[in-house]
């Protein structure tokens, strides 16, 4: 067995290690190696595996992220509903009082939320939700106040178009909207002065306001059978009818049956072209269904009308 020596600096000579010293060195070396190996294993496990506490934190973070995404979606949808309600209210206010309504303070909630981190957003969650729904409540209250004004001025208000001209409570009739659209026959851009209801032939058509029939029967070649009703400053126009059930000079009330949907005139498919003119100028009829639709239904029908990039006539 080889012997272990160590150099003694005092007498400048080599001396033999005692057996106990040698064993102690071996034990200490193994102990240090075990400690180092344990540290390496601990660090590796900590890096590649999660403790129960870390797993719980990650689970909570995942839930927070999911709730954050849901909250953003709710905020965006409510912002759209608020904007649509404001457009509708502003349009009616202008018609009723002849001037634009006072400027409202616009919400900046969506942008603010997108700039914040999830932790900051979570802290302000209750406050933002409260602000958003308070604003929505105020918009709905403004709409209710406007409806009270309409009730007080009922005789004049009855001359404002305010319902859909065909049965569409389930919103199953696709609308083709007002504005620049592609002509279905000539395939060229053209201004579409009304909206088209994609309704089957024979679908009943109703007066949308009280008034007097100023035109009924065959109109211009491209319009087919038409009806026009004068209601004070408003004129409602109906094209491509199959049958006309009223005559010139007849007094009608909102909701009266006046004719049936058809395909007469320049009409590729059965549908009703419906216009509203205010003091002789066409305006978007989509904002004049307020007696017929809830805010959420209005949001849906408004989206339908903006998606359609063509007209049916």
C-alpha atoms as a PDB file:
ATOM      1  CA  UNK A   1       0.000   0.000   0.000  1.00  0.00           C
ATOM      2  CA  UNK A   2       1.442   3.348  -0.992  1.00  0.00           C
ATOM      3  CA  UNK A   3       2.019   5.766   1.785  1.00  0.00           C
ATOM      4  CA  UNK A   4       0.941   9.400   1.782  1.00  0.00           C
ATOM      5  CA  UNK A   5       3.505  12.101   2.621  1.00  0.00           C
ATOM      6  CA  UNK A   6       3.218  15.782   3.275  1.00  0.00           C
ATOM      7  CA  UNK A   7       5.942  18.448   3.224  1.00  0.00           C
ATOM      8  CA  UNK A   8       6.711  20.091   6.554  1.00  0.00           C
ATOM      9  CA  UNK A   9       7.814  23.675   5.975  1.00  0.00           C
ATOM     10  CA  UNK A  10       9.247  23.962   9.483  1.00  0.00           C
ATOM     11  CA  UNK A  11      11.979  21.379   9.086  1.00  0.00           C
ATOM     12  CA  UNK A  12      11.977  21.204   5.277  1.00  0.00           C
ATOM     13  CA  UNK A  13      11.301  17.490   5.267  1.00  0.00           C
ATOM     14  CA  UNK A  14       8.613  15.031   4.132  1.00  0.00           C
ATOM     15  CA  UNK A  15       6.528  13.348   6.802  1.00  0.00           C
ATOM     16  CA  UNK A  16       4.094  10.449   6.592  1.00  0.00           C
ATOM     17  CA  UNK A  17       0.336  11.146   6.918  1.00  0.00           C
ATOM     18  CA  UNK A  18      -1.282   9.413   9.796  1.00  0.00           C
ATOM     19  CA  UNK A  19      -3.962   6.873   8.923  1.00  0.00           C
ATOM     20  CA  UNK A  20      -6.652   8.913  10.645  1.00  0.00           C
ATOM     21  CA  UNK A  21      -5.659  12.053   8.762  1.00  0.00           C
ATOM     22  CA  UNK A  22      -5.776  10.204   5.493  1.00  0.00           C
ATOM     23  CA  UNK A  23      -9.257   8.831   6.218  1.00  0.00           C
ATOM     24  CA  UNK A  24     -10.461  12.279   7.267  1.00  0.00           C
ATOM     25  CA  UNK A  25      -9.279  13.747   3.980  1.00  0.00           C
ATOM     26  CA  UNK A  26     -11.114  11.069   2.024  1.00  0.00           C
ATOM     27  CA  UNK A  27     -14.320  11.656   4.019  1.00  0.00           C
ATOM     28  CA  UNK A  28     -14.101  15.416   3.602  1.00  0.00           C
ATOM     29  CA  UNK A  29     -13.463  15.094  -0.126  1.00  0.00           C
ATOM     30  CA  UNK A  30     -16.479  12.802  -0.570  1.00  0.00           C
ATOM     31  CA  UNK A  31     -18.622  15.066   1.596  1.00  0.00           C
ATOM     32  CA  UNK A  32     -17.730  18.127  -0.477  1.00  0.00           C
ATOM     33  CA  UNK A  33     -18.399  16.188  -3.685  1.00  0.00           C
ATOM     34  CA  UNK A  34     -21.812  15.066  -2.390  1.00  0.00           C
ATOM     35  CA  UNK A  35     -22.706  18.634  -1.343  1.00  0.00           C
ATOM     36  CA  UNK A  36     -21.684  20.031  -4.726  1.00  0.00           C
ATOM     37  CA  UNK A  37     -23.595  17.287  -6.547  1.00  0.00           C
ATOM     38  CA  UNK A  38     -26.682  17.976  -4.414  1.00  0.00           C
ATOM     39  CA  UNK A  39     -26.497  21.688  -5.221  1.00  0.00           C
ATOM     40  CA  UNK A  40     -26.203  20.928  -8.953  1.00  0.00           C
ATOM     41  CA  UNK A  41     -29.160  18.499  -8.808  1.00  0.00           C
ATOM     42  CA  UNK A  42     -31.247  21.023  -6.817  1.00  0.00           C
ATOM     43  CA  UNK A  43     -30.518  23.817  -9.283  1.00  0.00           C
ATOM     44  CA  UNK A  44     -31.326  21.562 -12.241  1.00  0.00           C
ATOM     45  CA  UNK A  45     -34.603  20.425 -10.702  1.00  0.00           C
ATOM     46  CA  UNK A  46     -35.490  24.023  -9.812  1.00  0.00           C
ATOM     47  CA  UNK A  47     -34.871  25.102 -13.377  1.00  0.00           C
ATOM     48  CA  UNK A  48     -36.749  22.307 -15.140  1.00  0.00           C
ATOM     49  CA  UNK A  49     -39.556  21.599 -12.655  1.00  0.00           C
ATOM     50  CA  UNK A  50     -41.982  23.806 -10.693  1.00  0.00           C
ATOM     51  CA  UNK A  51     -42.634  23.724  -7.005  1.00  0.00           C
ATOM     52  CA  UNK A  52     -46.282  23.438  -5.875  1.00  0.00           C
ATOM     53  CA  UNK A  53     -46.175  27.170  -5.055  1.00  0.00           C
ATOM     54  CA  UNK A  54     -44.877  28.031  -8.536  1.00  0.00           C
ATOM     55  CA  UNK A  55     -47.464  25.755 -10.161  1.00  0.00           C
ATOM     56  CA  UNK A  56     -50.201  27.537  -8.235  1.00  0.00           C
ATOM     57  CA  UNK A  57     -48.862  30.956  -9.278  1.00  0.00           C
ATOM     58  CA  UNK A  58     -48.729  29.918 -12.946  1.00  0.00           C
ATOM     59  CA  UNK A  59     -52.297  28.592 -12.725  1.00  0.00           C
ATOM     60  CA  UNK A  60     -53.494  31.882 -11.228  1.00  0.00           C
ATOM     61  CA  UNK A  61     -51.647  33.879 -13.906  1.00  0.00           C
ATOM     62  CA  UNK A  62     -53.299  31.803 -16.627  1.00  0.00           C
ATOM     63  CA  UNK A  63     -56.739  32.493 -15.145  1.00  0.00           C
ATOM     64  CA  UNK A  64     -55.938  36.231 -14.950  1.00  0.00           C
ATOM     65  CA  UNK A  65     -54.842  36.258 -18.612  1.00  0.00           C
ATOM     66  CA  UNK A  66     -58.056  34.489 -19.670  1.00  0.00           C
ATOM     67  CA  UNK A  67     -60.185  36.951 -17.682  1.00  0.00           C
ATOM     68  CA  UNK A  68     -58.199  39.822 -19.173  1.00  0.00           C
ATOM     69  CA  UNK A  69     -58.976  38.610 -22.721  1.00  0.00           C
ATOM     70  CA  UNK A  70     -62.665  38.223 -21.849  1.00  0.00           C
ATOM     71  CA  UNK A  71     -62.729  41.708 -20.337  1.00  0.00           C
ATOM     72  CA  UNK A  72     -61.151  43.264 -23.420  1.00  0.00           C
ATOM     73  CA  UNK A  73     -63.776  41.562 -25.636  1.00  0.00           C
ATOM     74  CA  UNK A  74     -66.621  42.835 -23.419  1.00  0.00           C
ATOM     75  CA  UNK A  75     -65.213  46.361 -23.387  1.00  0.00           C
ATOM     76  CA  UNK A  76     -64.823  46.423 -27.172  1.00  0.00           C
ATOM     77  CA  UNK A  77     -68.377  45.184 -27.769  1.00  0.00           C
ATOM     78  CA  UNK A  78     -69.827  47.681 -25.303  1.00  0.00           C
ATOM     79  CA  UNK A  79     -67.804  50.494 -26.861  1.00  0.00           C
ATOM     80  CA  UNK A  80     -69.338  49.582 -30.246  1.00  0.00           C
ATOM     81  CA  UNK A  81     -72.831  49.562 -28.720  1.00  0.00           C
ATOM     82  CA  UNK A  82     -72.190  52.948 -27.094  1.00  0.00           C
ATOM     83  CA  UNK A  83     -70.994  54.458 -30.362  1.00  0.00           C
ATOM     84  CA  UNK A  84     -74.064  53.153 -32.206  1.00  0.00           C
ATOM     85  CA  UNK A  85     -76.409  54.482 -29.525  1.00  0.00           C
ATOM     86  CA  UNK A  86     -74.678  57.866 -29.673  1.00  0.00           C
ATOM     87  CA  UNK A  87     -75.015  57.979 -33.470  1.00  0.00           C
ATOM     88  CA  UNK A  88     -78.696  57.144 -33.226  1.00  0.00           C
ATOM     89  CA  UNK A  89     -79.294  59.668 -30.426  1.00  0.00           C
ATOM     90  CA  UNK A  90     -77.328  62.402 -32.225  1.00  0.00           C
ATOM     91  CA  UNK A  91     -79.260  61.890 -35.449  1.00  0.00           C
ATOM     92  CA  UNK A  92     -82.622  62.038 -33.699  1.00  0.00           C
ATOM     93  CA  UNK A  93     -81.539  65.050 -31.628  1.00  0.00           C
ATOM     94  CA  UNK A  94     -80.574  66.934 -34.781  1.00  0.00           C
ATOM     95  CA  UNK A  95     -83.902  66.137 -36.432  1.00  0.00           C
ATOM     96  CA  UNK A  96     -85.913  67.066 -33.336  1.00  0.00           C
ATOM     97  CA  UNK A  97     -84.130  70.300 -32.419  1.00  0.00           C
ATOM     98  CA  UNK A  98     -82.532  71.335 -35.714  1.00  0.00           C
ATOM     99  CA  UNK A  99     -79.005  71.464 -34.272  1.00  0.00           C
ATOM    100  CA  UNK A 100     -76.222  69.112 -33.366  1.00  0.00           C
ATOM    101  CA  UNK A 101     -76.225  67.872 -29.745  1.00  0.00           C
ATOM    102  CA  UNK A 102     -73.567  69.115 -27.303  1.00  0.00           C
ATOM    103  CA  UNK A 103     -70.262  67.284 -27.590  1.00  0.00           C
ATOM    104  CA  UNK A 104     -69.980  64.397 -25.147  1.00  0.00           C
ATOM    105  CA  UNK A 105     -66.749  63.361 -23.493  1.00  0.00           C
ATOM    106  CA  UNK A 106     -65.568  60.221 -25.286  1.00  0.00           C
ATOM    107  CA  UNK A 107     -64.342  57.186 -23.398  1.00  0.00           C
ATOM    108  CA  UNK A 108     -60.693  56.212 -23.809  1.00  0.00           C
ATOM    109  CA  UNK A 109     -60.977  52.956 -21.878  1.00  0.00           C
ATOM    110  CA  UNK A 110     -59.871  50.580 -24.615  1.00  0.00           C
ATOM    111  CA  UNK A 111     -56.649  52.434 -25.389  1.00  0.00           C
ATOM    112  CA  UNK A 112     -55.876  52.863 -21.703  1.00  0.00           C
ATOM    113  CA  UNK A 113     -56.315  49.158 -21.059  1.00  0.00           C
ATOM    114  CA  UNK A 114     -54.139  48.158 -23.987  1.00  0.00           C
ATOM    115  CA  UNK A 115     -51.308  50.308 -22.567  1.00  0.00           C
ATOM    116  CA  UNK A 116     -51.447  48.727 -19.123  1.00  0.00           C
ATOM    117  CA  UNK A 117     -49.903  45.548 -17.795  1.00  0.00           C
ATOM    118  CA  UNK A 118     -52.181  42.767 -16.475  1.00  0.00           C
ATOM    119  CA  UNK A 119     -51.334  43.609 -12.832  1.00  0.00           C
ATOM    120  CA  UNK A 120     -52.222  47.275 -13.305  1.00  0.00           C
ATOM    121  CA  UNK A 121     -55.352  46.303 -15.202  1.00  0.00           C
ATOM    122  CA  UNK A 122     -56.428  43.918 -12.450  1.00  0.00           C
ATOM    123  CA  UNK A 123     -56.112  46.710  -9.851  1.00  0.00           C
ATOM    124  CA  UNK A 124     -58.321  49.055 -11.883  1.00  0.00           C
ATOM    125  CA  UNK A 125     -60.729  46.395 -13.105  1.00  0.00           C
ATOM    126  CA  UNK A 126     -63.683  47.271 -10.859  1.00  0.00           C
ATOM    127  CA  UNK A 127     -63.296  50.988 -11.497  1.00  0.00           C
ATOM    128  CA  UNK A 128     -63.141  50.610 -15.298  1.00  0.00           C
ATOM    129  CA  UNK A 129     -66.085  48.220 -15.435  1.00  0.00           C
ATOM    130  CA  UNK A 130     -68.132  50.635 -13.336  1.00  0.00           C
ATOM    131  CA  UNK A 131     -67.188  53.603 -15.558  1.00  0.00           C
ATOM    132  CA  UNK A 132     -67.991  51.747 -18.750  1.00  0.00           C
ATOM    133  CA  UNK A 133     -71.375  50.484 -17.635  1.00  0.00           C
ATOM    134  CA  UNK A 134     -72.262  53.856 -16.117  1.00  0.00           C
ATOM    135  CA  UNK A 135     -71.578  55.440 -19.489  1.00  0.00           C
ATOM    136  CA  UNK A 136     -73.642  52.785 -21.240  1.00  0.00           C
ATOM    137  CA  UNK A 137     -76.419  53.362 -18.714  1.00  0.00           C
ATOM    138  CA  UNK A 138     -76.240  57.125 -19.346  1.00  0.00           C
ATOM    139  CA  UNK A 139     -76.489  56.557 -23.114  1.00  0.00           C
ATOM    140  CA  UNK A 140     -79.520  54.320 -22.641  1.00  0.00           C
ATOM    141  CA  UNK A 141     -81.044  56.861 -20.244  1.00  0.00           C
ATOM    142  CA  UNK A 142     -80.492  59.579 -22.855  1.00  0.00           C
ATOM    143  CA  UNK A 143     -82.296  57.403 -25.353  1.00  0.00           C
ATOM    144  CA  UNK A 144     -85.155  56.883 -22.883  1.00  0.00           C
ATOM    145  CA  UNK A 145     -85.353  60.650 -22.270  1.00  0.00           C
ATOM    146  CA  UNK A 146     -85.538  61.190 -26.008  1.00  0.00           C
ATOM    147  CA  UNK A 147     -88.352  58.661 -26.240  1.00  0.00           C
ATOM    148  CA  UNK A 148     -90.221  60.637 -23.542  1.00  0.00           C
ATOM    149  CA  UNK A 149     -89.877  63.758 -25.659  1.00  0.00           C
ATOM    150  CA  UNK A 150     -91.176  61.790 -28.611  1.00  0.00           C
ATOM    151  CA  UNK A 151     -94.179  60.679 -26.562  1.00  0.00           C
ATOM    152  CA  UNK A 152     -94.935  64.264 -25.473  1.00  0.00           C
ATOM    153  CA  UNK A 153     -94.816  65.418 -29.084  1.00  0.00           C
ATOM    154  CA  UNK A 154     -96.616  62.356 -30.361  1.00  0.00           C
ATOM    155  CA  UNK A 155     -98.582  64.041 -33.127  1.00  0.00           C
ATOM    156  CA  UNK A 156     -95.437  65.396 -34.781  1.00  0.00           C
ATOM    157  CA  UNK A 157     -93.408  62.345 -33.915  1.00  0.00           C
ATOM    158  CA  UNK A 158     -95.807  60.037 -35.714  1.00  0.00           C
ATOM    159  CA  UNK A 159     -94.542  61.603 -38.940  1.00  0.00           C
ATOM    160  CA  UNK A 160     -90.986  60.385 -38.226  1.00  0.00           C
ATOM    161  CA  UNK A 161     -90.246  56.957 -39.789  1.00  0.00           C
ATOM    162  CA  UNK A 162     -89.368  54.668 -36.892  1.00  0.00           C
ATOM    163  CA  UNK A 163     -90.037  50.994 -37.783  1.00  0.00           C
ATOM    164  CA  UNK A 164     -88.808  48.502 -40.356  1.00  0.00           C
ATOM    165  CA  UNK A 165     -90.957  48.394 -43.510  1.00  0.00           C
ATOM    166  CA  UNK A 166     -91.113  44.572 -43.571  1.00  0.00           C
ATOM    167  CA  UNK A 167     -91.518  41.938 -40.809  1.00  0.00           C
ATOM    168  CA  UNK A 168     -87.965  41.362 -39.587  1.00  0.00           C
ATOM    169  CA  UNK A 169     -88.132  40.993 -35.830  1.00  0.00           C
ATOM    170  CA  UNK A 170     -85.865  37.933 -35.959  1.00  0.00           C
ATOM    171  CA  UNK A 171     -83.327  39.893 -38.074  1.00  0.00           C
ATOM    172  CA  UNK A 172     -83.262  37.073 -40.608  1.00  0.00           C
ATOM    173  CA  UNK A 173     -83.571  39.359 -43.653  1.00  0.00           C
ATOM    174  CA  UNK A 174     -80.136  40.431 -44.854  1.00  0.00           C
ATOM    175  CA  UNK A 175     -79.768  44.180 -45.401  1.00  0.00           C
ATOM    176  CA  UNK A 176     -77.775  45.804 -48.178  1.00  0.00           C
ATOM    177  CA  UNK A 177     -76.743  49.218 -46.960  1.00  0.00           C
ATOM    178  CA  UNK A 178     -76.829  52.891 -47.748  1.00  0.00           C
ATOM    179  CA  UNK A 179     -73.958  54.715 -49.495  1.00  0.00           C
ATOM    180  CA  UNK A 180     -71.390  53.799 -52.127  1.00  0.00           C
ATOM    181  CA  UNK A 181     -72.167  50.310 -53.396  1.00  0.00           C
ATOM    182  CA  UNK A 182     -71.441  48.153 -56.434  1.00  0.00           C
ATOM    183  CA  UNK A 183     -74.251  48.134 -59.009  1.00  0.00           C
ATOM    184  CA  UNK A 184     -75.313  44.471 -59.499  1.00  0.00           C
ATOM    185  CA  UNK A 185     -76.130  44.948 -63.200  1.00  0.00           C
ATOM    186  CA  UNK A 186     -73.400  47.272 -64.455  1.00  0.00           C
ATOM    187  CA  UNK A 187     -70.784  46.282 -61.839  1.00  0.00           C
ATOM    188  CA  UNK A 188     -69.762  49.909 -61.351  1.00  0.00           C
ATOM    189  CA  UNK A 189     -69.607  51.968 -58.133  1.00  0.00           C
ATOM    190  CA  UNK A 190     -72.817  53.887 -57.529  1.00  0.00           C
ATOM    191  CA  UNK A 191     -74.486  55.777 -54.692  1.00  0.00           C
ATOM    192  CA  UNK A 192     -77.220  53.645 -53.125  1.00  0.00           C
ATOM    193  CA  UNK A 193     -79.727  56.094 -51.653  1.00  0.00           C
ATOM    194  CA  UNK A 194     -81.572  53.551 -49.501  1.00  0.00           C
ATOM    195  CA  UNK A 195     -81.269  50.083 -48.031  1.00  0.00           C
ATOM    196  CA  UNK A 196     -82.419  46.789 -49.547  1.00  0.00           C
ATOM    197  CA  UNK A 197     -84.292  44.123 -47.580  1.00  0.00           C
ATOM    198  CA  UNK A 198     -83.659  40.694 -49.105  1.00  0.00           C
ATOM    199  CA  UNK A 199     -87.270  39.523 -48.658  1.00  0.00           C
ATOM    200  CA  UNK A 200     -89.287  36.940 -50.654  1.00  0.00           C
ATOM    201  CA  UNK A 201     -91.959  38.030 -53.134  1.00  0.00           C
ATOM    202  CA  UNK A 202     -95.298  38.525 -51.427  1.00  0.00           C
ATOM    203  CA  UNK A 203     -93.782  39.719 -48.132  1.00  0.00           C
ATOM    204  CA  UNK A 204     -96.077  42.466 -46.756  1.00  0.00           C
ATOM    205  CA  UNK A 205     -94.768  46.042 -46.730  1.00  0.00           C
ATOM    206  CA  UNK A 206     -95.887  48.538 -44.078  1.00  0.00           C
ATOM    207  CA  UNK A 207     -95.953  52.327 -43.782  1.00  0.00           C
ATOM    208  CA  UNK A 208     -93.190  53.394 -41.406  1.00  0.00           C
ATOM    209  CA  UNK A 209     -94.753  56.752 -40.458  1.00  0.00           C
ATOM    210  CA  UNK A 210     -98.111  58.535 -40.592  1.00  0.00           C
ATOM    211  CA  UNK A 211     -98.565  60.439 -43.834  1.00  0.00           C
ATOM    212  CA  UNK A 212    -100.266  60.845 -47.194  1.00  0.00           C
ATOM    213  CA  UNK A 213     -99.529  58.697 -50.240  1.00  0.00           C
ATOM    214  CA  UNK A 214     -98.104  61.015 -52.910  1.00  0.00           C
ATOM    215  CA  UNK A 215     -97.195  58.379 -55.492  1.00  0.00           C
ATOM    216  CA  UNK A 216     -98.358  54.821 -56.103  1.00  0.00           C
ATOM    217  CA  UNK A 217     -98.225  52.400 -59.011  1.00  0.00           C
ATOM    218  CA  UNK A 218     -95.747  52.175 -61.888  1.00  0.00           C
ATOM    219  CA  UNK A 219     -92.753  54.465 -61.510  1.00  0.00           C
ATOM    220  CA  UNK A 220     -89.588  54.845 -63.547  1.00  0.00           C
ATOM    221  CA  UNK A 221     -88.523  51.759 -65.468  1.00  0.00           C
ATOM    222  CA  UNK A 222     -85.701  50.872 -63.076  1.00  0.00           C
ATOM    223  CA  UNK A 223     -87.918  51.318 -59.988  1.00  0.00           C
ATOM    224  CA  UNK A 224     -90.871  49.155 -61.020  1.00  0.00           C
ATOM    225  CA  UNK A 225     -93.983  49.543 -58.883  1.00  0.00           C
ATOM    226  CA  UNK A 226     -93.435  52.257 -56.298  1.00  0.00           C
ATOM    227  CA  UNK A 227     -95.027  53.983 -53.324  1.00  0.00           C
ATOM    228  CA  UNK A 228     -94.033  57.347 -51.876  1.00  0.00           C
ATOM    229  CA  UNK A 229     -95.510  58.699 -48.649  1.00  0.00           C
ATOM    230  CA  UNK A 230     -95.207  62.332 -47.551  1.00  0.00           C
ATOM    231  CA  UNK A 231     -94.881  62.784 -43.769  1.00  0.00           C
ATOM    232  CA  UNK A 232     -94.081  66.432 -43.120  1.00  0.00           C
ATOM    233  CA  UNK A 233     -90.352  66.942 -43.670  1.00  0.00           C
ATOM    234  CA  UNK A 234     -89.941  63.222 -44.345  1.00  0.00           C
ATOM    235  CA  UNK A 235     -90.666  61.206 -47.460  1.00  0.00           C
ATOM    236  CA  UNK A 236     -90.538  57.408 -47.394  1.00  0.00           C
ATOM    237  CA  UNK A 237     -89.970  55.563 -50.671  1.00  0.00           C
ATOM    238  CA  UNK A 238     -90.638  51.909 -51.577  1.00  0.00           C
ATOM    239  CA  UNK A 239     -89.445  50.356 -54.885  1.00  0.00           C
ATOM    240  CA  UNK A 240     -89.786  47.038 -56.811  1.00  0.00           C
ATOM    241  CA  UNK A 241     -93.189  46.173 -55.315  1.00  0.00           C
ATOM    242  CA  UNK A 242     -95.198  43.261 -56.659  1.00  0.00           C
ATOM    243  CA  UNK A 243     -98.545  44.755 -55.655  1.00  0.00           C
ATOM    244  CA  UNK A 244     -99.572  48.220 -54.463  1.00  0.00           C
ATOM    245  CA  UNK A 245    -102.415  48.362 -51.927  1.00  0.00           C
ATOM    246  CA  UNK A 246    -102.841  52.144 -51.593  1.00  0.00           C
ATOM    247  CA  UNK A 247    -103.777  55.017 -53.910  1.00  0.00           C
ATOM    248  CA  UNK A 248    -102.620  58.602 -54.316  1.00  0.00           C
ATOM    249  CA  UNK A 249    -104.025  60.842 -51.590  1.00  0.00           C
ATOM    250  CA  UNK A 250    -104.738  58.026 -49.145  1.00  0.00           C
ATOM    251  CA  UNK A 251    -103.954  58.844 -45.496  1.00  0.00           C
ATOM    252  CA  UNK A 252    -101.965  56.073 -43.849  1.00  0.00           C
ATOM    253  CA  UNK A 253    -100.822  55.356 -40.309  1.00  0.00           C
ATOM    254  CA  UNK A 254     -97.569  53.808 -39.182  1.00  0.00           C
ATOM    255  CA  UNK A 255     -97.916  50.026 -39.519  1.00  0.00           C
ATOM    256  CA  UNK A 256    -100.621  50.088 -42.227  1.00  0.00           C
ATOM    257  CA  UNK A 257    -100.238  47.526 -45.010  1.00  0.00           C
ATOM    258  CA  UNK A 258     -99.377  49.386 -48.233  1.00  0.00           C
ATOM    259  CA  UNK A 259     -98.128  46.690 -50.630  1.00  0.00           C
ATOM    260  CA  UNK A 260     -96.068  43.530 -51.172  1.00  0.00           C
ATOM    261  CA  UNK A 261     -92.417  42.831 -52.018  1.00  0.00           C
ATOM    262  CA  UNK A 262     -91.683  41.921 -55.651  1.00  0.00           C
ATOM    263  CA  UNK A 263     -89.070  41.988 -58.427  1.00  0.00           C
ATOM    264  CA  UNK A 264     -90.411  44.734 -60.700  1.00  0.00           C
ATOM    265  CA  UNK A 265     -88.022  47.217 -62.317  1.00  0.00           C
ATOM    266  CA  UNK A 266     -84.237  46.747 -62.292  1.00  0.00           C
ATOM    267  CA  UNK A 267     -84.206  44.029 -59.682  1.00  0.00           C
ATOM    268  CA  UNK A 268     -82.168  40.851 -59.998  1.00  0.00           C
ATOM    269  CA  UNK A 269     -83.813  39.168 -56.997  1.00  0.00           C
ATOM    270  CA  UNK A 270     -86.942  39.707 -54.953  1.00  0.00           C
ATOM    271  CA  UNK A 271     -86.338  42.529 -52.465  1.00  0.00           C
ATOM    272  CA  UNK A 272     -87.606  45.863 -51.144  1.00  0.00           C
ATOM    273  CA  UNK A 273     -85.640  49.051 -51.767  1.00  0.00           C
ATOM    274  CA  UNK A 274     -86.488  51.458 -48.934  1.00  0.00           C
ATOM    275  CA  UNK A 275     -85.513  55.136 -48.743  1.00  0.00           C
ATOM    276  CA  UNK A 276     -86.015  57.995 -46.316  1.00  0.00           C
ATOM    277  CA  UNK A 277     -85.653  61.577 -47.524  1.00  0.00           C
ATOM    278  CA  UNK A 278     -85.460  64.491 -45.103  1.00  0.00           C
ATOM    279  CA  UNK A 279     -86.406  67.805 -46.713  1.00  0.00           C
ATOM    280  CA  UNK A 280     -85.806  66.178 -50.081  1.00  0.00           C
ATOM    281  CA  UNK A 281     -82.334  64.795 -49.300  1.00  0.00           C
ATOM    282  CA  UNK A 282     -81.714  61.040 -48.798  1.00  0.00           C
ATOM    283  CA  UNK A 283     -80.544  59.964 -45.342  1.00  0.00           C
ATOM    284  CA  UNK A 284     -79.517  56.567 -44.001  1.00  0.00           C
ATOM    285  CA  UNK A 285     -82.695  54.658 -42.998  1.00  0.00           C
ATOM    286  CA  UNK A 286     -80.728  52.352 -40.676  1.00  0.00           C
ATOM    287  CA  UNK A 287     -81.017  54.936 -37.861  1.00  0.00           C
ATOM    288  CA  UNK A 288     -84.828  55.054 -38.072  1.00  0.00           C
ATOM    289  CA  UNK A 289     -85.849  51.687 -36.620  1.00  0.00           C
ATOM    290  CA  UNK A 290     -85.728  52.856 -32.993  1.00  0.00           C
ATOM    291  CA  UNK A 291     -89.300  51.796 -32.162  1.00  0.00           C
ATOM    292  CA  UNK A 292     -88.631  48.340 -33.548  1.00  0.00           C
ATOM    293  CA  UNK A 293     -85.271  47.272 -32.156  1.00  0.00           C
ATOM    294  CA  UNK A 294     -83.381  46.951 -28.887  1.00  0.00           C
ATOM    295  CA  UNK A 295     -79.841  48.424 -28.763  1.00  0.00           C
ATOM    296  CA  UNK A 296     -78.303  44.959 -29.267  1.00  0.00           C
ATOM    297  CA  UNK A 297     -80.619  44.236 -32.228  1.00  0.00           C
ATOM    298  CA  UNK A 298     -79.765  47.616 -33.714  1.00  0.00           C
ATOM    299  CA  UNK A 299     -76.060  46.796 -33.356  1.00  0.00           C
ATOM    300  CA  UNK A 300     -76.584  43.539 -35.264  1.00  0.00           C
ATOM    301  CA  UNK A 301     -78.631  45.075 -38.074  1.00  0.00           C
ATOM    302  CA  UNK A 302     -76.193  47.994 -38.396  1.00  0.00           C
ATOM    303  CA  UNK A 303     -73.311  45.536 -38.822  1.00  0.00           C
ATOM    304  CA  UNK A 304     -75.294  43.680 -41.517  1.00  0.00           C
ATOM    305  CA  UNK A 305     -75.832  46.883 -43.470  1.00  0.00           C
ATOM    306  CA  UNK A 306     -72.153  47.891 -43.386  1.00  0.00           C
ATOM    307  CA  UNK A 307     -70.887  44.443 -44.468  1.00  0.00           C
ATOM    308  CA  UNK A 308     -72.855  44.350 -47.698  1.00  0.00           C
ATOM    309  CA  UNK A 309     -70.726  45.979 -50.397  1.00  0.00           C
ATOM    310  CA  UNK A 310     -73.312  45.714 -53.157  1.00  0.00           C
ATOM    311  CA  UNK A 311     -76.968  46.581 -53.658  1.00  0.00           C
ATOM    312  CA  UNK A 312     -79.781  44.469 -55.100  1.00  0.00           C
ATOM    313  CA  UNK A 313     -80.928  47.073 -57.659  1.00  0.00           C
END
